[in-house]
Amino acid sequence: MADAALFLSDLALGVLLGCVFAVIAHGLNLIWGVAKVVNVAHGEFIMLGAYGAYFLNLWFGFNPLLSIPFDAAIGLGVGVLFYFGFLHRELRGKESMDLQSEMVTLVSTFGLSLVLINTAQKLWTPDNVGIPWSPGYVVFGPVQLPLGGLYVAIVSVSIIALSHVFLSKTYLGNAIRAHSQDIPAAQLVGINPTITASIGTAVGFGITMVGGALLTVWLPTGIFPAMGNLYAPISFVIVVLGGPGKMWGSLVGGLTLGVIINVGQLFLGNNLSLAEAAAFLILIPVLLLRPEGILR
């Protein structure tokens, strides 16, 4: 039987890890919920956010938390370019996403992901890099937690909370929600679908790249061009678990996956691959019993 203190430690670390998983998936959740587009290149933008934090640390000595506003600003700009470069031409004038549009956006974002991976490998080599930042530890009884992971968890939950407030309490946020639910009705009340969708997509990309920066706290030597191949599937599973377009669903899905992966290793001989497989398997009963996600 696993030691109780070790179980509590792994559970707490799983919660902290789940918070950062939640924020890297949150950007995908926004884009999926607003534009109804599955961004296959999502993992590559997580990678770009991680490299953004790495180079800010290398050039200016910034820790991952200080790099957040810079990654967010870059992500907002990239999101606008992404919308007008890949989505606007296909989605303009349409009241909903049809099969042709789904295929066009899937293929184009898949192509973009290949371009980004290969460009990153040429520019930065396939070698692993990382940010040597450890502000220390805090002890709660038998549990010792890294302060960096705790800071990241607080920031991650704050980002999700702020996005919820933005979408539910502001005019622009309500316009984005209205656009995602019924484009013709939104236009009838004076909402410009192009501007609204581009802003929603930009916010999603900003959060995605911030998530990549926060993830570096857990990856002291794990930043490399193909890292998106791992974190994109994790993000998709989280969004499906919590429910596409549901803001707090990102946190529910992220915590679920983080706890299962971290605690699962304790009972699976520290085998990370088996723990990840167990976490992904939870998607099957959720899809069968609650295809709209865990949250109502």
Protein backbone atom coordinates (compact mmCIF):
# COMPACT_ATOMS: atom_id res chain seq x y z
CA MET A 1 0.00 0.00 0.00
CA ALA A 2 1.35 3.40 -0.94
CA ASP A 3 2.63 5.55 1.91
CA ALA A 4 -0.01 8.11 2.99
CA ALA A 5 2.42 11.04 3.05
CA LEU A 6 3.70 10.17 -0.41
CA PHE A 7 0.13 9.89 -1.67
CA LEU A 8 -0.75 13.32 -0.24
CA SER A 9 2.39 14.81 -1.79
CA ASP A 10 1.61 13.33 -5.21
CA LEU A 11 -2.02 14.46 -4.92
CA ALA A 12 -0.99 18.03 -4.13
CA LEU A 13 1.57 18.08 -6.95
CA GLY A 14 -1.08 16.66 -9.26
CA VAL A 15 -3.41 19.56 -8.37
CA LEU A 16 -0.65 22.09 -9.10
CA LEU A 17 0.20 20.35 -12.38
CA GLY A 18 -3.51 20.21 -13.25
CA CYS A 19 -3.78 23.99 -12.88
CA VAL A 20 -1.09 24.61 -15.50
CA PHE A 21 -2.64 21.93 -17.73
CA ALA A 22 -5.92 23.83 -17.39
CA VAL A 23 -4.47 27.12 -18.59
CA ILE A 24 -2.66 25.61 -21.61
CA ALA A 25 -5.99 24.06 -22.62
CA HIS A 26 -7.98 27.20 -21.85
CA GLY A 27 -6.80 29.02 -24.98
CA LEU A 28 -7.92 26.10 -27.13
CA ASN A 29 -11.23 26.07 -25.28
CA LEU A 30 -11.83 29.74 -26.12
CA ILE A 31 -11.00 29.33 -29.81
CA TRP A 32 -13.06 26.16 -30.07
CA GLY A 33 -15.98 27.80 -28.27
CA VAL A 34 -15.89 31.12 -30.17
CA ALA A 35 -14.85 30.30 -33.73
CA LYS A 36 -15.93 26.62 -33.63
CA VAL A 37 -12.50 25.77 -35.04
CA VAL A 38 -10.33 22.89 -33.84
CA ASN A 39 -6.82 24.36 -33.95
CA VAL A 40 -4.53 21.42 -34.73
CA ALA A 41 -1.51 23.75 -34.33
CA HIS A 42 -2.42 24.46 -30.68
CA GLY A 43 0.59 22.54 -29.35
CA GLU A 44 2.98 24.57 -31.48
CA PHE A 45 1.72 27.82 -29.96
CA ILE A 46 2.28 26.33 -26.50
CA MET A 47 5.82 25.62 -27.71
CA LEU A 48 6.24 29.21 -28.93
CA GLY A 49 5.07 30.51 -25.55
CA ALA A 50 7.62 28.30 -23.81
CA TYR A 51 10.41 29.52 -26.10
CA GLY A 52 9.28 33.09 -25.54
CA ALA A 53 9.78 32.64 -21.79
CA TYR A 54 13.11 30.89 -22.41
CA PHE A 55 14.56 33.70 -24.54
CA LEU A 56 13.28 36.41 -22.18
CA ASN A 57 15.13 34.56 -19.43
CA LEU A 58 18.24 34.13 -21.56
CA TRP A 59 18.41 37.77 -22.73
CA PHE A 60 16.95 39.72 -19.81
CA GLY A 61 16.97 37.31 -16.87
CA PHE A 62 13.17 37.23 -16.60
CA ASN A 63 11.62 34.35 -14.69
CA PRO A 64 8.57 32.65 -16.29
CA LEU A 65 6.12 34.79 -14.33
CA LEU A 66 7.70 38.05 -15.51
CA SER A 67 7.49 36.84 -19.11
CA ILE A 68 3.67 36.54 -18.94
CA PRO A 69 2.73 40.04 -20.22
CA PHE A 70 5.20 39.79 -23.11
CA ASP A 71 3.99 36.33 -24.18
CA ALA A 72 0.39 37.52 -23.83
CA ALA A 73 1.02 40.55 -26.07
CA ILE A 74 2.73 38.39 -28.71
CA GLY A 75 -0.11 35.88 -28.49
CA LEU A 76 -2.75 38.55 -29.02
CA GLY A 77 -0.98 39.75 -32.17
CA VAL A 78 -0.45 36.23 -33.45
CA GLY A 79 -4.11 35.43 -32.77
CA VAL A 80 -5.31 38.33 -34.94
CA LEU A 81 -2.93 37.27 -37.74
CA PHE A 82 -4.09 33.66 -37.38
CA TYR A 83 -7.75 34.63 -37.64
CA PHE A 84 -7.36 36.78 -40.76
CA GLY A 85 -4.77 34.47 -42.32
CA PHE A 86 -6.48 31.12 -41.75
CA LEU A 87 -10.10 31.58 -40.66
CA HIS A 88 -11.67 34.78 -41.94
CA ARG A 89 -11.78 33.94 -45.63
CA GLU A 90 -13.42 30.58 -44.92
CA LEU A 91 -15.82 31.68 -42.17
CA ARG A 92 -16.99 35.13 -43.30
CA GLY A 93 -20.64 35.34 -44.27
CA LYS A 94 -21.41 31.90 -42.81
CA GLU A 95 -23.96 31.39 -40.07
CA SER A 96 -22.31 28.19 -38.79
CA MET A 97 -19.35 25.90 -39.40
CA ASP A 98 -20.14 23.43 -42.20
CA LEU A 99 -18.24 20.27 -43.16
CA GLN A 100 -16.21 22.01 -45.87
CA SER A 101 -15.10 24.74 -43.49
CA GLU A 102 -14.15 22.14 -40.86
CA MET A 103 -11.97 20.29 -43.36
CA VAL A 104 -10.34 23.48 -44.67
CA THR A 105 -9.47 24.74 -41.19
CA LEU A 106 -8.26 21.31 -40.03
CA VAL A 107 -5.95 20.90 -43.02
CA SER A 108 -4.66 24.47 -42.88
CA THR A 109 -3.90 24.37 -39.14
CA PHE A 110 -2.26 20.95 -39.56
CA GLY A 111 -0.04 22.42 -42.26
CA LEU A 112 0.73 25.37 -40.00
CA SER A 113 1.78 23.01 -37.20
CA LEU A 114 4.29 21.28 -39.52
CA VAL A 115 5.69 24.63 -40.66
CA LEU A 116 6.12 25.84 -37.07
CA ILE A 117 7.82 22.65 -35.86
CA ASN A 118 10.28 22.55 -38.75
CA THR A 119 11.01 26.27 -38.54
CA ALA A 120 11.67 25.97 -34.80
CA GLN A 121 14.02 23.04 -35.39
CA LYS A 122 15.98 25.04 -37.96
CA LEU A 123 16.16 28.16 -35.80
CA TRP A 124 16.74 26.62 -32.37
CA THR A 125 17.90 23.01 -33.07
CA PRO A 126 16.04 19.97 -31.66
CA ASP A 127 18.04 20.12 -28.41
CA ASN A 128 16.22 20.45 -25.09
CA VAL A 129 16.58 23.69 -23.16
CA GLY A 130 15.02 25.05 -19.98
CA ILE A 131 14.79 27.87 -17.47
CA PRO A 132 16.75 27.30 -14.24
CA TRP A 133 14.27 28.96 -11.86
CA SER A 134 13.41 27.60 -8.43
CA PRO A 135 12.22 30.09 -5.78
CA GLY A 136 12.22 27.41 -3.09
CA TYR A 137 9.69 25.22 -1.31
CA VAL A 138 6.88 25.58 1.19
CA VAL A 139 5.94 22.86 3.68
CA PHE A 140 2.39 21.95 4.70
CA GLY A 141 2.63 19.16 7.26
CA PRO A 142 4.07 16.12 5.48
CA VAL A 143 3.74 17.80 2.07
CA GLN A 144 6.54 19.85 0.51
CA LEU A 145 5.47 21.92 -2.49
CA PRO A 146 7.62 23.90 -4.93
CA LEU A 147 6.87 27.61 -4.64
CA GLY A 148 7.24 27.99 -8.41
CA GLY A 149 4.50 25.44 -9.01
CA LEU A 150 2.30 27.12 -6.38
CA TYR A 151 2.74 30.55 -7.99
CA VAL A 152 1.92 29.08 -11.40
CA ALA A 153 -1.22 27.40 -10.04
CA ILE A 154 -2.44 30.70 -8.54
CA VAL A 155 -1.77 32.57 -11.79
CA SER A 156 -3.44 29.83 -13.85
CA VAL A 157 -6.65 29.85 -11.81
CA SER A 158 -6.62 33.67 -11.86
CA ILE A 159 -6.40 33.69 -15.67
CA ILE A 160 -9.37 31.35 -15.96
CA ALA A 161 -11.34 33.41 -13.43
CA LEU A 162 -10.55 36.67 -15.23
CA SER A 163 -11.57 35.20 -18.58
CA HIS A 164 -14.86 34.09 -17.01
CA VAL A 165 -15.46 37.61 -15.68
CA PHE A 166 -14.51 39.10 -19.06
CA LEU A 167 -16.91 36.85 -20.96
CA SER A 168 -19.82 37.19 -18.54
CA LYS A 169 -19.55 40.75 -17.18
CA THR A 170 -18.33 42.94 -20.07
CA TYR A 171 -20.02 44.08 -23.26
CA LEU A 172 -17.25 42.70 -25.45
CA GLY A 173 -17.27 39.39 -23.61
CA ASN A 174 -21.04 39.07 -23.98
CA ALA A 175 -20.67 39.92 -27.68
CA ILE A 176 -18.16 37.07 -28.05
CA ARG A 177 -20.53 34.67 -26.29
CA ALA A 178 -23.46 35.81 -28.44
CA HIS A 179 -21.39 35.31 -31.59
CA SER A 180 -20.46 31.78 -30.52
CA GLN A 181 -24.10 30.87 -29.90
CA ASP A 182 -25.98 32.49 -32.80
CA ILE A 183 -24.21 34.63 -35.42
CA PRO A 184 -27.34 35.96 -37.21
CA ALA A 185 -28.95 36.98 -33.91
CA ALA A 186 -25.71 38.66 -32.81
CA GLN A 187 -25.64 40.66 -36.06
CA LEU A 188 -29.23 41.78 -35.52
CA VAL A 189 -28.20 43.56 -32.31
CA GLY A 190 -25.26 45.31 -33.99
CA ILE A 191 -22.38 42.92 -33.21
CA ASN A 192 -19.72 42.80 -35.92
CA PRO A 193 -18.91 39.08 -36.37
CA THR A 194 -15.46 39.65 -37.88
CA ILE A 195 -14.20 41.94 -35.12
CA THR A 196 -15.77 39.82 -32.40
CA ALA A 197 -14.39 36.51 -33.68
CA SER A 198 -10.92 37.98 -34.26
CA ILE A 199 -10.78 39.37 -30.70
CA GLY A 200 -12.01 36.09 -29.22
CA THR A 201 -9.39 34.17 -31.22
CA ALA A 202 -6.67 36.64 -30.19
CA VAL A 203 -7.54 36.25 -26.50
CA GLY A 204 -7.41 32.47 -26.92
CA PHE A 205 -3.93 32.66 -28.46
CA GLY A 206 -2.73 35.08 -25.78
CA ILE A 207 -3.78 32.63 -23.05
CA THR A 208 -2.23 29.71 -24.95
CA MET A 209 1.18 31.38 -25.14
CA VAL A 210 0.98 32.45 -21.49
CA GLY A 211 0.24 28.80 -20.69
CA GLY A 212 3.39 27.80 -22.57
CA ALA A 213 5.39 30.26 -20.44
CA LEU A 214 3.88 28.93 -17.19
CA LEU A 215 4.52 25.35 -18.26
CA THR A 216 8.29 26.00 -18.31
CA VAL A 217 8.29 26.05 -14.49
CA TRP A 218 7.55 22.32 -14.64
CA LEU A 219 10.03 21.71 -17.49
CA PRO A 220 13.54 22.61 -16.29
CA THR A 221 15.00 20.93 -19.39
CA GLY A 222 11.88 20.10 -21.39
CA ILE A 223 11.55 22.90 -23.94
CA PHE A 224 12.08 21.66 -27.52
CA PRO A 225 10.43 22.23 -30.93
CA ALA A 226 8.25 19.09 -30.87
CA MET A 227 6.96 19.51 -27.30
CA GLY A 228 3.53 20.40 -28.66
CA ASN A 229 3.08 16.78 -29.73
CA LEU A 230 2.60 15.92 -26.05
CA TYR A 231 0.69 18.94 -24.78
CA ALA A 232 -1.76 19.31 -27.68
CA PRO A 233 -3.42 15.92 -26.98
CA ILE A 234 -3.53 16.76 -23.27
CA SER A 235 -5.26 20.06 -24.11
CA PHE A 236 -7.83 18.39 -26.37
CA VAL A 237 -8.66 15.80 -23.71
CA ILE A 238 -9.08 18.55 -21.08
CA VAL A 239 -11.43 20.57 -23.30
CA VAL A 240 -13.56 17.53 -24.08
CA LEU A 241 -13.66 16.51 -20.40
CA GLY A 242 -14.75 19.92 -19.19
CA GLY A 243 -16.92 20.74 -22.20
CA PRO A 244 -15.98 22.94 -25.20
CA GLY A 245 -16.70 26.61 -24.55
CA LYS A 246 -17.15 26.15 -20.78
CA MET A 247 -14.59 28.35 -19.04
CA TRP A 248 -14.47 26.51 -15.71
CA GLY A 249 -14.51 23.26 -17.65
CA SER A 250 -10.84 23.89 -18.46
CA LEU A 251 -10.00 23.83 -14.75
CA VAL A 252 -12.12 20.74 -14.06
CA GLY A 253 -10.54 18.85 -16.96
CA GLY A 254 -7.02 20.05 -16.10
CA LEU A 255 -7.26 19.04 -12.44
CA THR A 256 -8.70 15.66 -13.40
CA LEU A 257 -5.86 14.91 -15.79
CA GLY A 258 -3.13 16.32 -13.53
CA VAL A 259 -4.22 14.27 -10.52
CA ILE A 260 -4.65 11.05 -12.48
CA ILE A 261 -1.24 11.38 -14.15
CA ASN A 262 0.64 12.31 -10.98
CA VAL A 263 -1.09 9.97 -8.54
CA GLY A 264 -1.31 7.23 -11.18
CA GLN A 265 2.48 6.97 -11.33
CA LEU A 266 2.51 6.10 -7.62
CA PHE A 267 0.48 2.95 -8.30
CA LEU A 268 1.98 2.12 -11.70
CA GLY A 269 5.62 1.79 -10.77
CA ASN A 270 6.50 5.43 -11.65
CA ASN A 271 5.63 4.66 -15.26
CA LEU A 272 4.65 8.03 -16.76
CA SER A 273 3.45 6.53 -20.05
CA LEU A 274 1.00 4.18 -18.30
CA ALA A 275 -0.24 7.02 -16.08
CA GLU A 276 -0.87 9.21 -19.15
CA ALA A 277 -2.67 6.33 -20.87
CA ALA A 278 -4.88 5.88 -17.79
CA ALA A 279 -5.67 9.61 -17.83
CA PHE A 280 -6.63 9.52 -21.50
CA LEU A 281 -8.80 6.43 -20.97
CA ILE A 282 -11.13 8.43 -18.72
CA LEU A 283 -12.25 10.20 -21.89
CA ILE A 284 -14.12 7.07 -23.05
CA PRO A 285 -16.74 6.88 -20.25
CA VAL A 286 -17.12 10.67 -20.29
CA LEU A 287 -17.89 10.66 -24.02
CA LEU A 288 -20.32 7.78 -23.58
CA LEU A 289 -22.14 9.15 -20.53
CA ARG A 290 -21.71 12.93 -20.83
CA PRO A 291 -20.59 13.89 -24.35
CA GLU A 292 -21.19 17.57 -23.52
CA GLY A 293 -18.49 17.40 -20.81
CA ILE A 294 -18.37 16.97 -17.04
CA LEU A 295 -19.79 20.42 -16.32
CA ARG A 296 -23.43 21.08 -17.11
